[in-house]
Amino acid sequence: MKLKETAQNLAYNDIFDSVSGSLENFTGKLQGIGLVTIVTCLAIIGFMFMFGEGPSRTAKKWLFYVIAGAFLLFGAATLGSTIKDTAGF
């Protein structure tokens, strides 16, 4: 009976550890892709500022969206890891 309970607890813990590890891996990859995308967008925005008044207005809008997206992307991962550490998962 004791062996069966131990096997069930082990399987239960392995599932949550596996899910937790997978989510951390996934968010890490998303942050890597997001960082490359953010840098690329900022370079494009820099070129748009150089090419006159029309593209400059568009670049100002893009700049806000890129910064907001960066905060959301990196903030979500930080919030998730904080909740995980606080809850003890």
PDB file of N, CA and C in Angstrom:
ATOM      1  N   MET A   1       0.827  -1.188   0.000  1.00  0.00           N
ATOM      2  CA  MET A   1       0.000   0.000   0.000  1.00  0.00           C
ATOM      3  C   MET A   1       0.871   1.251   0.000  1.00  0.00           C
ATOM      4  N   LYS A   2       1.921   1.263   0.804  1.00  0.00           N
ATOM      5  CA  LYS A   2       2.814   2.420   0.895  1.00  0.00           C
ATOM      6  C   LYS A   2       3.518   2.672  -0.435  1.00  0.00           C
ATOM      7  N   LEU A   3       3.901   1.620  -1.142  1.00  0.00           N
ATOM      8  CA  LEU A   3       4.576   1.750  -2.423  1.00  0.00           C
ATOM      9  C   LEU A   3       3.652   2.386  -3.463  1.00  0.00           C
ATOM     10  N   LYS A   4       2.386   2.016  -3.445  1.00  0.00           N
ATOM     11  CA  LYS A   4       1.420   2.568  -4.395  1.00  0.00           C
ATOM     12  C   LYS A   4       1.227   4.066  -4.160  1.00  0.00           C
ATOM     13  N   GLU A   5       1.129   4.482  -2.898  1.00  0.00           N
ATOM     14  CA  GLU A   5       0.982   5.898  -2.574  1.00  0.00           C
ATOM     15  C   GLU A   5       2.222   6.683  -2.999  1.00  0.00           C
ATOM     16  N   THR A   6       3.384   6.115  -2.786  1.00  0.00           N
ATOM     17  CA  THR A   6       4.621   6.779  -3.181  1.00  0.00           C
ATOM     18  C   THR A   6       4.681   6.942  -4.696  1.00  0.00           C
ATOM     19  N   ALA A   7       4.279   5.933  -5.431  1.00  0.00           N
ATOM     20  CA  ALA A   7       4.275   6.004  -6.896  1.00  0.00           C
ATOM     21  C   ALA A   7       3.287   7.066  -7.381  1.00  0.00           C
ATOM     22  N   GLN A   8       2.136   7.174  -6.742  1.00  0.00           N
ATOM     23  CA  GLN A   8       1.158   8.178  -7.138  1.00  0.00           C
ATOM     24  C   GLN A   8       1.684   9.586  -6.852  1.00  0.00           C
ATOM     25  N   ASN A   9       2.302   9.781  -5.690  1.00  0.00           N
ATOM     26  CA  ASN A   9       2.867  11.091  -5.361  1.00  0.00           C
ATOM     27  C   ASN A   9       4.000  11.459  -6.306  1.00  0.00           C
ATOM     28  N   LEU A  10       4.817  10.502  -6.662  1.00  0.00           N
ATOM     29  CA  LEU A  10       5.917  10.745  -7.571  1.00  0.00           C
ATOM     30  C   LEU A  10       5.392  11.150  -8.937  1.00  0.00           C
ATOM     31  N   ALA A  11       4.387  10.459  -9.445  1.00  0.00           N
ATOM     32  CA  ALA A  11       3.814  10.793 -10.742  1.00  0.00           C
ATOM     33  C   ALA A  11       3.161  12.164 -10.701  1.00  0.00           C
ATOM     34  N   TYR A  12       2.486  12.479  -9.608  1.00  0.00           N
ATOM     35  CA  TYR A  12       1.821  13.770  -9.448  1.00  0.00           C
ATOM     36  C   TYR A  12       2.844  14.902  -9.477  1.00  0.00           C
ATOM     37  N   ASN A  13       3.930  14.744  -8.729  1.00  0.00           N
ATOM     38  CA  ASN A  13       4.962  15.780  -8.692  1.00  0.00           C
ATOM     39  C   ASN A  13       5.696  15.887 -10.014  1.00  0.00           C
ATOM     40  N   ASP A  14       5.933  14.774 -10.682  1.00  0.00           N
ATOM     41  CA  ASP A  14       6.617  14.811 -11.959  1.00  0.00           C
ATOM     42  C   ASP A  14       5.812  15.563 -13.006  1.00  0.00           C
ATOM     43  N   ILE A  15       4.490  15.414 -12.986  1.00  0.00           N
ATOM     44  CA  ILE A  15       3.644  16.109 -13.966  1.00  0.00           C
ATOM     45  C   ILE A  15       3.761  17.613 -13.784  1.00  0.00           C
ATOM     46  N   PHE A  16       3.659  18.098 -12.544  1.00  0.00           N
ATOM     47  CA  PHE A  16       3.739  19.538 -12.310  1.00  0.00           C
ATOM     48  C   PHE A  16       5.138  20.081 -12.566  1.00  0.00           C
ATOM     49  N   ASP A  17       6.157  19.324 -12.234  1.00  0.00           N
ATOM     50  CA  ASP A  17       7.518  19.748 -12.541  1.00  0.00           C
ATOM     51  C   ASP A  17       7.728  19.816 -14.042  1.00  0.00           C
ATOM     52  N   SER A  18       7.169  18.859 -14.759  1.00  0.00           N
ATOM     53  CA  SER A  18       7.292  18.831 -16.207  1.00  0.00           C
ATOM     54  C   SER A  18       6.582  20.023 -16.836  1.00  0.00           C
ATOM     55  N   VAL A  19       5.365  20.302 -16.377  1.00  0.00           N
ATOM     56  CA  VAL A  19       4.606  21.439 -16.910  1.00  0.00           C
ATOM     57  C   VAL A  19       5.317  22.745 -16.586  1.00  0.00           C
ATOM     58  N   SER A  20       5.794  22.868 -15.359  1.00  0.00           N
ATOM     59  CA  SER A  20       6.498  24.078 -14.940  1.00  0.00           C
ATOM     60  C   SER A  20       7.765  24.282 -15.775  1.00  0.00           C
ATOM     61  N   GLY A  21       8.519  23.229 -15.978  1.00  0.00           N
ATOM     62  CA  GLY A  21       9.732  23.319 -16.791  1.00  0.00           C
ATOM     63  C   GLY A  21       9.432  23.670 -18.230  1.00  0.00           C
ATOM     64  N   SER A  22       8.357  23.100 -18.757  1.00  0.00           N
ATOM     65  CA  SER A  22       7.974  23.390 -20.135  1.00  0.00           C
ATOM     66  C   SER A  22       7.560  24.849 -20.302  1.00  0.00           C
ATOM     67  N   LEU A  23       6.805  25.373 -19.333  1.00  0.00           N
ATOM     68  CA  LEU A  23       6.388  26.779 -19.406  1.00  0.00           C
ATOM     69  C   LEU A  23       7.579  27.720 -19.301  1.00  0.00           C
ATOM     70  N   GLU A  24       8.522  27.404 -18.434  1.00  0.00           N
ATOM     71  CA  GLU A  24       9.721  28.235 -18.325  1.00  0.00           C
ATOM     72  C   GLU A  24      10.527  28.201 -19.620  1.00  0.00           C
ATOM     73  N   ASN A  25      10.638  27.027 -20.215  1.00  0.00           N
ATOM     74  CA  ASN A  25      11.351  26.889 -21.474  1.00  0.00           C
ATOM     75  C   ASN A  25      10.654  27.687 -22.577  1.00  0.00           C
ATOM     76  N   PHE A  26       9.332  27.589 -22.623  1.00  0.00           N
ATOM     77  CA  PHE A  26       8.543  28.286 -23.646  1.00  0.00           C
ATOM     78  C   PHE A  26       8.660  29.801 -23.490  1.00  0.00           C
ATOM     79  N   THR A  27       8.528  30.312 -22.260  1.00  0.00           N
ATOM     80  CA  THR A  27       8.633  31.758 -22.068  1.00  0.00           C
ATOM     81  C   THR A  27      10.051  32.253 -22.354  1.00  0.00           C
ATOM     82  N   GLY A  28      11.043  31.435 -22.061  1.00  0.00           N
ATOM     83  CA  GLY A  28      12.419  31.807 -22.391  1.00  0.00           C
ATOM     84  C   GLY A  28      12.624  31.944 -23.889  1.00  0.00           C
ATOM     85  N   LYS A  29      12.047  31.014 -24.641  1.00  0.00           N
ATOM     86  CA  LYS A  29      12.155  31.097 -26.099  1.00  0.00           C
ATOM     87  C   LYS A  29      11.386  32.294 -26.646  1.00  0.00           C
ATOM     88  N   LEU A  30      10.209  32.557 -26.079  1.00  0.00           N
ATOM     89  CA  LEU A  30       9.435  33.722 -26.510  1.00  0.00           C
ATOM     90  C   LEU A  30      10.188  35.017 -26.233  1.00  0.00           C
ATOM     91  N   GLN A  31      10.864  35.086 -25.099  1.00  0.00           N
ATOM     92  CA  GLN A  31      11.628  36.285 -24.790  1.00  0.00           C
ATOM     93  C   GLN A  31      12.800  36.459 -25.756  1.00  0.00           C
ATOM     94  N   GLY A  32      13.426  35.374 -26.136  1.00  0.00           N
ATOM     95  CA  GLY A  32      14.516  35.464 -27.110  1.00  0.00           C
ATOM     96  C   GLY A  32      14.024  35.956 -28.457  1.00  0.00           C
ATOM     97  N   ILE A  33      12.920  35.398 -28.926  1.00  0.00           N
ATOM     98  CA  ILE A  33      12.334  35.832 -30.198  1.00  0.00           C
ATOM     99  C   ILE A  33      11.849  37.267 -30.080  1.00  0.00           C
ATOM    100  N   GLY A  34      11.241  37.594 -28.936  1.00  0.00           N
ATOM    101  CA  GLY A  34      10.747  38.954 -28.721  1.00  0.00           C
ATOM    102  C   GLY A  34      11.866  39.970 -28.710  1.00  0.00           C
ATOM    103  N   LEU A  35      12.995  39.634 -28.111  1.00  0.00           N
ATOM    104  CA  LEU A  35      14.120  40.555 -28.063  1.00  0.00           C
ATOM    105  C   LEU A  35      14.641  40.869 -29.466  1.00  0.00           C
ATOM    106  N   VAL A  36      14.762  39.846 -30.295  1.00  0.00           N
ATOM    107  CA  VAL A  36      15.209  40.061 -31.676  1.00  0.00           C
ATOM    108  C   VAL A  36      14.203  40.935 -32.428  1.00  0.00           C
ATOM    109  N   THR A  37      12.917  40.671 -32.221  1.00  0.00           N
ATOM    110  CA  THR A  37      11.872  41.449 -32.883  1.00  0.00           C
ATOM    111  C   THR A  37      11.888  42.901 -32.409  1.00  0.00           C
ATOM    112  N   ILE A  38      12.068  43.117 -31.121  1.00  0.00           N
ATOM    113  CA  ILE A  38      12.100  44.473 -30.575  1.00  0.00           C
ATOM    114  C   ILE A  38      13.274  45.261 -31.153  1.00  0.00           C
ATOM    115  N   VAL A  39      14.442  44.655 -31.192  1.00  0.00           N
ATOM    116  CA  VAL A  39      15.621  45.337 -31.728  1.00  0.00           C
ATOM    117  C   VAL A  39      15.424  45.662 -33.210  1.00  0.00           C
ATOM    118  N   THR A  40      14.855  44.729 -33.962  1.00  0.00           N
ATOM    119  CA  THR A  40      14.597  44.965 -35.383  1.00  0.00           C
ATOM    120  C   THR A  40      13.610  46.111 -35.573  1.00  0.00           C
ATOM    121  N   CYS A  41      12.536  46.113 -34.796  1.00  0.00           N
ATOM    122  CA  CYS A  41      11.543  47.189 -34.902  1.00  0.00           C
ATOM    123  C   CYS A  41      12.140  48.537 -34.528  1.00  0.00           C
ATOM    124  N   LEU A  42      12.985  48.571 -33.501  1.00  0.00           N
ATOM    125  CA  LEU A  42      13.613  49.829 -33.115  1.00  0.00           C
ATOM    126  C   LEU A  42      14.549  50.337 -34.209  1.00  0.00           C
ATOM    127  N   ALA A  43      15.237  49.447 -34.898  1.00  0.00           N
ATOM    128  CA  ALA A  43      16.093  49.868 -36.006  1.00  0.00           C
ATOM    129  C   ALA A  43      15.247  50.445 -37.145  1.00  0.00           C
ATOM    130  N   ILE A  44      14.130  49.803 -37.446  1.00  0.00           N
ATOM    131  CA  ILE A  44      13.233  50.306 -38.497  1.00  0.00           C
ATOM    132  C   ILE A  44      12.668  51.664 -38.100  1.00  0.00           C
ATOM    133  N   ILE A  45      12.283  51.810 -36.834  1.00  0.00           N
ATOM    134  CA  ILE A  45      11.759  53.088 -36.343  1.00  0.00           C
ATOM    135  C   ILE A  45      12.817  54.184 -36.473  1.00  0.00           C
ATOM    136  N   GLY A  46      14.058  53.845 -36.183  1.00  0.00           N
ATOM    137  CA  GLY A  46      15.144  54.819 -36.342  1.00  0.00           C
ATOM    138  C   GLY A  46      15.263  55.297 -37.770  1.00  0.00           C
ATOM    139  N   PHE A  47      15.166  54.392 -38.737  1.00  0.00           N
ATOM    140  CA  PHE A  47      15.205  54.784 -40.143  1.00  0.00           C
ATOM    141  C   PHE A  47      13.988  55.638 -40.514  1.00  0.00           C
ATOM    142  N   MET A  48      12.835  55.303 -39.966  1.00  0.00           N
ATOM    143  CA  MET A  48      11.628  56.068 -40.272  1.00  0.00           C
ATOM    144  C   MET A  48      11.741  57.505 -39.755  1.00  0.00           C
ATOM    145  N   PHE A  49      12.386  57.710 -38.608  1.00  0.00           N
ATOM    146  CA  PHE A  49      12.587  59.065 -38.099  1.00  0.00           C
ATOM    147  C   PHE A  49      13.473  59.891 -39.027  1.00  0.00           C
ATOM    148  N   MET A  50      14.369  59.249 -39.752  1.00  0.00           N
ATOM    149  CA  MET A  50      15.284  59.971 -40.633  1.00  0.00           C
ATOM    150  C   MET A  50      14.643  60.393 -41.947  1.00  0.00           C
ATOM    151  N   PHE A  51      13.521  59.774 -42.334  1.00  0.00           N
ATOM    152  CA  PHE A  51      12.986  59.996 -43.672  1.00  0.00           C
ATOM    153  C   PHE A  51      11.808  60.951 -43.735  1.00  0.00           C
ATOM    154  N   GLY A  52      11.819  61.988 -42.966  1.00  0.00           N
ATOM    155  CA  GLY A  52      10.826  63.034 -43.131  1.00  0.00           C
ATOM    156  C   GLY A  52       9.708  63.006 -42.115  1.00  0.00           C
ATOM    157  N   GLU A  53       8.776  63.943 -42.332  1.00  0.00           N
ATOM    158  CA  GLU A  53       7.718  64.170 -41.364  1.00  0.00           C
ATOM    159  C   GLU A  53       6.659  63.076 -41.351  1.00  0.00           C
ATOM    160  N   GLY A  54       6.252  62.599 -42.506  1.00  0.00           N
ATOM    161  CA  GLY A  54       5.217  61.559 -42.569  1.00  0.00           C
ATOM    162  C   GLY A  54       5.623  60.267 -41.882  1.00  0.00           C
ATOM    163  N   PRO A  55       6.755  59.700 -42.291  1.00  0.00           N
ATOM    164  CA  PRO A  55       7.201  58.478 -41.613  1.00  0.00           C
ATOM    165  C   PRO A  55       7.542  58.707 -40.134  1.00  0.00           C
ATOM    166  N   SER A  56       7.940  59.924 -39.805  1.00  0.00           N
ATOM    167  CA  SER A  56       8.267  60.224 -38.419  1.00  0.00           C
ATOM    168  C   SER A  56       7.034  60.134 -37.526  1.00  0.00           C
ATOM    169  N   ARG A  57       5.893  60.601 -38.028  1.00  0.00           N
ATOM    170  CA  ARG A  57       4.648  60.483 -37.260  1.00  0.00           C
ATOM    171  C   ARG A  57       4.271  59.024 -37.038  1.00  0.00           C
ATOM    172  N   THR A  58       4.428  58.225 -38.067  1.00  0.00           N
ATOM    173  CA  THR A  58       4.147  56.794 -37.953  1.00  0.00           C
ATOM    174  C   THR A  58       5.124  56.137 -36.981  1.00  0.00           C
ATOM    175  N   ALA A  59       6.376  56.560 -37.028  1.00  0.00           N
ATOM    176  CA  ALA A  59       7.399  55.983 -36.157  1.00  0.00           C
ATOM    177  C   ALA A  59       7.093  56.257 -34.694  1.00  0.00           C
ATOM    178  N   LYS A  60       6.541  57.443 -34.402  1.00  0.00           N
ATOM    179  CA  LYS A  60       6.200  57.761 -33.006  1.00  0.00           C
ATOM    180  C   LYS A  60       5.135  56.808 -32.486  1.00  0.00           C
ATOM    181  N   LYS A  61       4.156  56.468 -33.328  1.00  0.00           N
ATOM    182  CA  LYS A  61       3.119  55.506 -32.928  1.00  0.00           C
ATOM    183  C   LYS A  61       3.730  54.125 -32.715  1.00  0.00           C
ATOM    184  N   TRP A  62       4.564  53.711 -33.667  1.00  0.00           N
ATOM    185  CA  TRP A  62       5.196  52.398 -33.566  1.00  0.00           C
ATOM    186  C   TRP A  62       6.045  52.295 -32.308  1.00  0.00           C
ATOM    187  N   LEU A  63       6.764  53.386 -32.000  1.00  0.00           N
ATOM    188  CA  LEU A  63       7.651  53.359 -30.837  1.00  0.00           C
ATOM    189  C   LEU A  63       6.865  53.075 -29.567  1.00  0.00           C
ATOM    190  N   PHE A  64       5.717  53.705 -29.409  1.00  0.00           N
ATOM    191  CA  PHE A  64       4.873  53.452 -28.241  1.00  0.00           C
ATOM    192  C   PHE A  64       4.453  51.981 -28.198  1.00  0.00           C
ATOM    193  N   TYR A  65       4.007  51.445 -29.325  1.00  0.00           N
ATOM    194  CA  TYR A  65       3.542  50.059 -29.366  1.00  0.00           C
ATOM    195  C   TYR A  65       4.677  49.063 -29.100  1.00  0.00           C
ATOM    196  N   VAL A  66       5.848  49.348 -29.606  1.00  0.00           N
ATOM    197  CA  VAL A  66       6.993  48.450 -29.376  1.00  0.00           C
ATOM    198  C   VAL A  66       7.371  48.450 -27.895  1.00  0.00           C
ATOM    199  N   ILE A  67       7.407  49.612 -27.282  1.00  0.00           N
ATOM    200  CA  ILE A  67       7.744  49.688 -25.856  1.00  0.00           C
ATOM    201  C   ILE A  67       6.671  49.003 -25.008  1.00  0.00           C
ATOM    202  N   ALA A  68       5.404  49.249 -25.333  1.00  0.00           N
ATOM    203  CA  ALA A  68       4.313  48.606 -24.591  1.00  0.00           C
ATOM    204  C   ALA A  68       4.374  47.087 -24.748  1.00  0.00           C
ATOM    205  N   GLY A  69       4.636  46.611 -25.953  1.00  0.00           N
ATOM    206  CA  GLY A  69       4.752  45.176 -26.193  1.00  0.00           C
ATOM    207  C   GLY A  69       5.915  44.558 -25.446  1.00  0.00           C
ATOM    208  N   ALA A  70       7.032  45.277 -25.371  1.00  0.00           N
ATOM    209  CA  ALA A  70       8.198  44.776 -24.642  1.00  0.00           C
ATOM    210  C   ALA A  70       7.889  44.636 -23.156  1.00  0.00           C
ATOM    211  N   PHE A  71       7.213  45.657 -22.596  1.00  0.00           N
ATOM    212  CA  PHE A  71       6.834  45.562 -21.188  1.00  0.00           C
ATOM    213  C   PHE A  71       5.889  44.401 -20.939  1.00  0.00           C
ATOM    214  N   LEU A  72       4.937  44.196 -21.821  1.00  0.00           N
ATOM    215  CA  LEU A  72       4.005  43.082 -21.651  1.00  0.00           C
ATOM    216  C   LEU A  72       4.712  41.737 -21.752  1.00  0.00           C
ATOM    217  N   LEU A  73       5.587  41.593 -22.736  1.00  0.00           N
ATOM    218  CA  LEU A  73       6.285  40.325 -22.944  1.00  0.00           C
ATOM    219  C   LEU A  73       7.178  39.968 -21.766  1.00  0.00           C
ATOM    220  N   PHE A  74       8.023  40.901 -21.361  1.00  0.00           N
ATOM    221  CA  PHE A  74       8.953  40.602 -20.281  1.00  0.00           C
ATOM    222  C   PHE A  74       8.278  40.678 -18.917  1.00  0.00           C
ATOM    223  N   GLY A  75       7.257  41.513 -18.788  1.00  0.00           N
ATOM    224  CA  GLY A  75       6.515  41.601 -17.537  1.00  0.00           C
ATOM    225  C   GLY A  75       5.722  40.345 -17.249  1.00  0.00           C
ATOM    226  N   ALA A  76       5.148  39.746 -18.291  1.00  0.00           N
ATOM    227  CA  ALA A  76       4.365  38.517 -18.096  1.00  0.00           C
ATOM    228  C   ALA A  76       5.252  37.382 -17.603  1.00  0.00           C
ATOM    229  N   ALA A  77       6.423  37.247 -18.171  1.00  0.00           N
ATOM    230  CA  ALA A  77       7.343  36.191 -17.738  1.00  0.00           C
ATOM    231  C   ALA A  77       7.815  36.427 -16.306  1.00  0.00           C
ATOM    232  N   THR A  78       8.089  37.670 -15.968  1.00  0.00           N
ATOM    233  CA  THR A  78       8.519  37.998 -14.612  1.00  0.00           C
ATOM    234  C   THR A  78       7.396  37.753 -13.617  1.00  0.00           C
ATOM    235  N   LEU A  79       6.192  38.150 -13.980  1.00  0.00           N
ATOM    236  CA  LEU A  79       5.036  37.927 -13.109  1.00  0.00           C
ATOM    237  C   LEU A  79       4.797  36.429 -12.902  1.00  0.00           C
ATOM    238  N   GLY A  80       4.910  35.661 -13.967  1.00  0.00           N
ATOM    239  CA  GLY A  80       4.727  34.216 -13.852  1.00  0.00           C
ATOM    240  C   GLY A  80       5.747  33.566 -12.944  1.00  0.00           C
ATOM    241  N   SER A  81       6.998  33.953 -13.069  1.00  0.00           N
ATOM    242  CA  SER A  81       8.028  33.365 -12.206  1.00  0.00           C
ATOM    243  C   SER A  81       7.874  33.824 -10.759  1.00  0.00           C
ATOM    244  N   THR A  82       7.396  35.053 -10.549  1.00  0.00           N
ATOM    245  CA  THR A  82       7.152  35.532  -9.185  1.00  0.00           C
ATOM    246  C   THR A  82       6.019  34.755  -8.528  1.00  0.00           C
ATOM    247  N   ILE A  83       4.947  34.546  -9.272  1.00  0.00           N
ATOM    248  CA  ILE A  83       3.825  33.774  -8.730  1.00  0.00           C
ATOM    249  C   ILE A  83       4.258  32.341  -8.441  1.00  0.00           C
ATOM    250  N   LYS A  84       5.053  31.768  -9.322  1.00  0.00           N
ATOM    251  CA  LYS A  84       5.531  30.397  -9.123  1.00  0.00           C
ATOM    252  C   LYS A  84       6.377  30.294  -7.854  1.00  0.00           C
ATOM    253  N   ASP A  85       7.280  31.251  -7.667  1.00  0.00           N
ATOM    254  CA  ASP A  85       8.133  31.227  -6.479  1.00  0.00           C
ATOM    255  C   ASP A  85       7.351  31.484  -5.208  1.00  0.00           C
ATOM    256  N   THR A  86       6.382  32.385  -5.280  1.00  0.00           N
ATOM    257  CA  THR A  86       5.573  32.712  -4.097  1.00  0.00           C
ATOM    258  C   THR A  86       4.670  31.550  -3.705  1.00  0.00           C
ATOM    259  N   ALA A  87       4.057  30.934  -4.706  1.00  0.00           N
ATOM    260  CA  ALA A  87       3.135  29.827  -4.432  1.00  0.00           C
ATOM    261  C   ALA A  87       3.864  28.530  -4.114  1.00  0.00           C
ATOM    262  N   GLY A  88       5.126  28.444  -4.487  1.00  0.00           N
ATOM    263  CA  GLY A  88       5.911  27.251  -4.172  1.00  0.00           C
ATOM    264  C   GLY A  88       5.687  26.102  -5.125  1.00  0.00           C
ATOM    265  N   PHE A  89       5.343  26.394  -6.366  1.00  0.00           N
ATOM    266  CA  PHE A  89       5.127  25.330  -7.353  1.00  0.00           C
ATOM    267  C   PHE A  89       6.434  24.754  -7.799  1.00  0.00           C
TER     268      PHE A  89
END
